[in-house]
Amino acid sequence: MEQWKMSIITGVALIILALVFSLMRKGISIWMAIVIVLGVIDIIFGILRKKKEGM
């Protein structure tokens, strides 16, 4: 699989897992917030890689 697709899929998976664990614990912790931010950053890098490959 292409690198940018893996990056986007990993970012989405991180965000989903963090949200599920936060819902299970009935609150968001600093660690879950960090995981969500890392997921968003991973998605952004994936999109940037896709744009770079498209050029």
PDB file of N, CA and C in Angstrom:
ATOM      1  N   MET A   1       0.838  -1.170   0.000  1.00  0.00           N
ATOM      2  CA  MET A   1       0.000   0.000   0.000  1.00  0.00           C
ATOM      3  C   MET A   1       0.892   1.245   0.000  1.00  0.00           C
ATOM      4  N   GLU A   2       0.391   2.275  -0.635  1.00  0.00           N
ATOM      5  CA  GLU A   2       1.175   3.497  -0.729  1.00  0.00           C
ATOM      6  C   GLU A   2       1.358   4.126   0.651  1.00  0.00           C
ATOM      7  N   GLN A   3       2.469   4.813   0.808  1.00  0.00           N
ATOM      8  CA  GLN A   3       2.837   5.377   2.112  1.00  0.00           C
ATOM      9  C   GLN A   3       1.827   6.406   2.604  1.00  0.00           C
ATOM     10  N   TRP A   4       1.306   7.244   1.707  1.00  0.00           N
ATOM     11  CA  TRP A   4       0.371   8.275   2.146  1.00  0.00           C
ATOM     12  C   TRP A   4      -0.949   7.665   2.605  1.00  0.00           C
ATOM     13  N   LYS A   5      -1.368   6.568   1.978  1.00  0.00           N
ATOM     14  CA  LYS A   5      -2.611   5.905   2.398  1.00  0.00           C
ATOM     15  C   LYS A   5      -2.458   5.303   3.792  1.00  0.00           C
ATOM     16  N   MET A   6      -1.297   4.688   4.040  1.00  0.00           N
ATOM     17  CA  MET A   6      -1.043   4.111   5.359  1.00  0.00           C
ATOM     18  C   MET A   6      -1.032   5.191   6.436  1.00  0.00           C
ATOM     19  N   SER A   7      -0.483   6.339   6.109  1.00  0.00           N
ATOM     20  CA  SER A   7      -0.422   7.438   7.057  1.00  0.00           C
ATOM     21  C   SER A   7      -1.822   7.934   7.413  1.00  0.00           C
ATOM     22  N   ILE A   8      -2.678   8.068   6.428  1.00  0.00           N
ATOM     23  CA  ILE A   8      -4.051   8.531   6.672  1.00  0.00           C
ATOM     24  C   ILE A   8      -4.832   7.479   7.452  1.00  0.00           C
ATOM     25  N   ILE A   9      -4.703   6.214   7.085  1.00  0.00           N
ATOM     26  CA  ILE A   9      -5.416   5.140   7.789  1.00  0.00           C
ATOM     27  C   ILE A   9      -4.965   5.051   9.242  1.00  0.00           C
ATOM     28  N   THR A  10      -3.659   5.174   9.465  1.00  0.00           N
ATOM     29  CA  THR A  10      -3.133   5.133  10.835  1.00  0.00           C
ATOM     30  C   THR A  10      -3.661   6.304  11.655  1.00  0.00           C
ATOM     31  N   GLY A  11      -3.699   7.478  11.071  1.00  0.00           N
ATOM     32  CA  GLY A  11      -4.220   8.654  11.773  1.00  0.00           C
ATOM     33  C   GLY A  11      -5.679   8.501  12.146  1.00  0.00           C
ATOM     34  N   VAL A  12      -6.480   7.998  11.224  1.00  0.00           N
ATOM     35  CA  VAL A  12      -7.902   7.780  11.502  1.00  0.00           C
ATOM     36  C   VAL A  12      -8.075   6.729  12.600  1.00  0.00           C
ATOM     37  N   ALA A  13      -7.291   5.662  12.535  1.00  0.00           N
ATOM     38  CA  ALA A  13      -7.385   4.612  13.553  1.00  0.00           C
ATOM     39  C   ALA A  13      -7.009   5.146  14.936  1.00  0.00           C
ATOM     40  N   LEU A  14      -5.976   5.978  15.003  1.00  0.00           N
ATOM     41  CA  LEU A  14      -5.583   6.570  16.284  1.00  0.00           C
ATOM     42  C   LEU A  14      -6.696   7.428  16.870  1.00  0.00           C
ATOM     43  N   ILE A  15      -7.322   8.231  16.032  1.00  0.00           N
ATOM     44  CA  ILE A  15      -8.405   9.100  16.507  1.00  0.00           C
ATOM     45  C   ILE A  15      -9.587   8.275  16.983  1.00  0.00           C
ATOM     46  N   ILE A  16      -9.973   7.252  16.219  1.00  0.00           N
ATOM     47  CA  ILE A  16     -11.107   6.408  16.610  1.00  0.00           C
ATOM     48  C   ILE A  16     -10.824   5.691  17.923  1.00  0.00           C
ATOM     49  N   LEU A  17      -9.639   5.107  18.055  1.00  0.00           N
ATOM     50  CA  LEU A  17      -9.297   4.408  19.302  1.00  0.00           C
ATOM     51  C   LEU A  17      -9.288   5.359  20.493  1.00  0.00           C
ATOM     52  N   ALA A  18      -8.739   6.545  20.327  1.00  0.00           N
ATOM     53  CA  ALA A  18      -8.709   7.510  21.423  1.00  0.00           C
ATOM     54  C   ALA A  18     -10.121   7.918  21.832  1.00  0.00           C
ATOM     55  N   LEU A  19     -11.000   8.122  20.852  1.00  0.00           N
ATOM     56  CA  LEU A  19     -12.381   8.495  21.175  1.00  0.00           C
ATOM     57  C   LEU A  19     -13.116   7.365  21.880  1.00  0.00           C
ATOM     58  N   VAL A  20     -12.895   6.132  21.433  1.00  0.00           N
ATOM     59  CA  VAL A  20     -13.550   4.988  22.068  1.00  0.00           C
ATOM     60  C   VAL A  20     -13.090   4.837  23.515  1.00  0.00           C
ATOM     61  N   PHE A  21     -11.790   4.916  23.757  1.00  0.00           N
ATOM     62  CA  PHE A  21     -11.284   4.801  25.117  1.00  0.00           C
ATOM     63  C   PHE A  21     -11.754   5.954  25.993  1.00  0.00           C
ATOM     64  N   SER A  22     -11.858   7.152  25.413  1.00  0.00           N
ATOM     65  CA  SER A  22     -12.347   8.292  26.179  1.00  0.00           C
ATOM     66  C   SER A  22     -13.807   8.111  26.566  1.00  0.00           C
ATOM     67  N   LEU A  23     -14.597   7.581  25.654  1.00  0.00           N
ATOM     68  CA  LEU A  23     -16.010   7.327  25.958  1.00  0.00           C
ATOM     69  C   LEU A  23     -16.162   6.242  27.015  1.00  0.00           C
ATOM     70  N   MET A  24     -15.312   5.236  26.955  1.00  0.00           N
ATOM     71  CA  MET A  24     -15.375   4.153  27.940  1.00  0.00           C
ATOM     72  C   MET A  24     -15.018   4.662  29.339  1.00  0.00           C
ATOM     73  N   ARG A  25     -14.089   5.606  29.398  1.00  0.00           N
ATOM     74  CA  ARG A  25     -13.654   6.135  30.699  1.00  0.00           C
ATOM     75  C   ARG A  25     -14.506   7.317  31.144  1.00  0.00           C
ATOM     76  N   LYS A  26     -15.452   7.717  30.332  1.00  0.00           N
ATOM     77  CA  LYS A  26     -16.352   8.844  30.626  1.00  0.00           C
ATOM     78  C   LYS A  26     -15.604  10.169  30.810  1.00  0.00           C
ATOM     79  N   GLY A  27     -14.557  10.351  30.083  1.00  0.00           N
ATOM     80  CA  GLY A  27     -13.809  11.604  30.131  1.00  0.00           C
ATOM     81  C   GLY A  27     -12.548  11.494  29.316  1.00  0.00           C
ATOM     82  N   ILE A  28     -12.051  12.641  28.906  1.00  0.00           N
ATOM     83  CA  ILE A  28     -10.845  12.640  28.087  1.00  0.00           C
ATOM     84  C   ILE A  28      -9.653  12.992  28.976  1.00  0.00           C
ATOM     85  N   SER A  29      -8.613  12.224  28.859  1.00  0.00           N
ATOM     86  CA  SER A  29      -7.398  12.490  29.621  1.00  0.00           C
ATOM     87  C   SER A  29      -6.394  13.198  28.716  1.00  0.00           C
ATOM     88  N   ILE A  30      -5.340  13.677  29.308  1.00  0.00           N
ATOM     89  CA  ILE A  30      -4.306  14.365  28.541  1.00  0.00           C
ATOM     90  C   ILE A  30      -3.665  13.418  27.529  1.00  0.00           C
ATOM     91  N   TRP A  31      -3.552  12.139  27.881  1.00  0.00           N
ATOM     92  CA  TRP A  31      -2.933  11.162  26.972  1.00  0.00           C
ATOM     93  C   TRP A  31      -3.809  10.916  25.754  1.00  0.00           C
ATOM     94  N   MET A  32      -5.122  10.860  25.963  1.00  0.00           N
ATOM     95  CA  MET A  32      -6.027  10.662  24.828  1.00  0.00           C
ATOM     96  C   MET A  32      -6.014  11.897  23.922  1.00  0.00           C
ATOM     97  N   ALA A  33      -5.903  13.081  24.523  1.00  0.00           N
ATOM     98  CA  ALA A  33      -5.815  14.309  23.728  1.00  0.00           C
ATOM     99  C   ALA A  33      -4.545  14.301  22.884  1.00  0.00           C
ATOM    100  N   ILE A  34      -3.456  13.828  23.469  1.00  0.00           N
ATOM    101  CA  ILE A  34      -2.194  13.749  22.721  1.00  0.00           C
ATOM    102  C   ILE A  34      -2.315  12.753  21.567  1.00  0.00           C
ATOM    103  N   VAL A  35      -2.972  11.623  21.797  1.00  0.00           N
ATOM    104  CA  VAL A  35      -3.156  10.625  20.739  1.00  0.00           C
ATOM    105  C   VAL A  35      -4.011  11.201  19.608  1.00  0.00           C
ATOM    106  N   ILE A  36      -5.051  11.947  19.954  1.00  0.00           N
ATOM    107  CA  ILE A  36      -5.900  12.563  18.928  1.00  0.00           C
ATOM    108  C   ILE A  36      -5.088  13.570  18.114  1.00  0.00           C
ATOM    109  N   VAL A  37      -4.285  14.386  18.778  1.00  0.00           N
ATOM    110  CA  VAL A  37      -3.451  15.363  18.068  1.00  0.00           C
ATOM    111  C   VAL A  37      -2.453  14.650  17.153  1.00  0.00           C
ATOM    112  N   LEU A  38      -1.850  13.569  17.629  1.00  0.00           N
ATOM    113  CA  LEU A  38      -0.913  12.812  16.782  1.00  0.00           C
ATOM    114  C   LEU A  38      -1.634  12.204  15.575  1.00  0.00           C
ATOM    115  N   GLY A  39      -2.871  11.752  15.768  1.00  0.00           N
ATOM    116  CA  GLY A  39      -3.644  11.227  14.644  1.00  0.00           C
ATOM    117  C   GLY A  39      -3.907  12.291  13.596  1.00  0.00           C
ATOM    118  N   VAL A  40      -4.257  13.483  14.049  1.00  0.00           N
ATOM    119  CA  VAL A  40      -4.505  14.591  13.111  1.00  0.00           C
ATOM    120  C   VAL A  40      -3.221  14.957  12.367  1.00  0.00           C
ATOM    121  N   ILE A  41      -2.107  14.991  13.081  1.00  0.00           N
ATOM    122  CA  ILE A  41      -0.824  15.295  12.442  1.00  0.00           C
ATOM    123  C   ILE A  41      -0.471  14.225  11.408  1.00  0.00           C
ATOM    124  N   ASP A  42      -0.740  12.967  11.734  1.00  0.00           N
ATOM    125  CA  ASP A  42      -0.461  11.867  10.800  1.00  0.00           C
ATOM    126  C   ASP A  42      -1.307  12.010   9.537  1.00  0.00           C
ATOM    127  N   ILE A  43      -2.569  12.380   9.694  1.00  0.00           N
ATOM    128  CA  ILE A  43      -3.439  12.585   8.535  1.00  0.00           C
ATOM    129  C   ILE A  43      -2.922  13.743   7.683  1.00  0.00           C
ATOM    130  N   ILE A  44      -2.509  14.830   8.324  1.00  0.00           N
ATOM    131  CA  ILE A  44      -1.986  15.983   7.577  1.00  0.00           C
ATOM    132  C   ILE A  44      -0.747  15.597   6.783  1.00  0.00           C
ATOM    133  N   PHE A  45       0.170  14.846   7.405  1.00  0.00           N
ATOM    134  CA  PHE A  45       1.362  14.413   6.678  1.00  0.00           C
ATOM    135  C   PHE A  45       0.999  13.486   5.520  1.00  0.00           C
ATOM    136  N   GLY A  46      -0.014  12.644   5.699  1.00  0.00           N
ATOM    137  CA  GLY A  46      -0.452  11.786   4.614  1.00  0.00           C
ATOM    138  C   GLY A  46      -0.980  12.568   3.429  1.00  0.00           C
ATOM    139  N   ILE A  47      -1.766  13.610   3.726  1.00  0.00           N
ATOM    140  CA  ILE A  47      -2.303  14.451   2.653  1.00  0.00           C
ATOM    141  C   ILE A  47      -1.175  15.201   1.952  1.00  0.00           C
ATOM    142  N   LEU A  48      -0.208  15.694   2.719  1.00  0.00           N
ATOM    143  CA  LEU A  48       0.916  16.396   2.116  1.00  0.00           C
ATOM    144  C   LEU A  48       1.746  15.475   1.228  1.00  0.00           C
ATOM    145  N   ARG A  49       1.934  14.220   1.667  1.00  0.00           N
ATOM    146  CA  ARG A  49       2.667  13.254   0.830  1.00  0.00           C
ATOM    147  C   ARG A  49       1.928  12.975  -0.466  1.00  0.00           C
ATOM    148  N   LYS A  50       0.601  12.875  -0.375  1.00  0.00           N
ATOM    149  CA  LYS A  50      -0.195  12.617  -1.582  1.00  0.00           C
ATOM    150  C   LYS A  50      -0.047  13.772  -2.558  1.00  0.00           C
ATOM    151  N   LYS A  51      -0.118  14.989  -2.048  1.00  0.00           N
ATOM    152  CA  LYS A  51       0.030  16.153  -2.928  1.00  0.00           C
ATOM    153  C   LYS A  51       1.433  16.192  -3.535  1.00  0.00           C
ATOM    154  N   LYS A  52       2.445  15.823  -2.757  1.00  0.00           N
ATOM    155  CA  LYS A  52       3.823  15.824  -3.241  1.00  0.00           C
ATOM    156  C   LYS A  52       4.017  14.780  -4.341  1.00  0.00           C
ATOM    157  N   GLU A  53       3.416  13.589  -4.165  1.00  0.00           N
ATOM    158  CA  GLU A  53       3.527  12.545  -5.186  1.00  0.00           C
ATOM    159  C   GLU A  53       2.770  12.896  -6.439  1.00  0.00           C
ATOM    160  N   GLY A  54       1.691  13.645  -6.284  1.00  0.00           N
ATOM    161  CA  GLY A  54       0.873  14.024  -7.439  1.00  0.00           C
ATOM    162  C   GLY A  54       1.540  15.037  -8.342  1.00  0.00           C
ATOM    163  N   MET A  55       2.530  15.744  -7.824  1.00  0.00           N
ATOM    164  CA  MET A  55       3.199  16.770  -8.623  1.00  0.00           C
ATOM    165  C   MET A  55       4.159  16.189  -9.602  1.00  0.00           C
TER     166      MET A  55
END
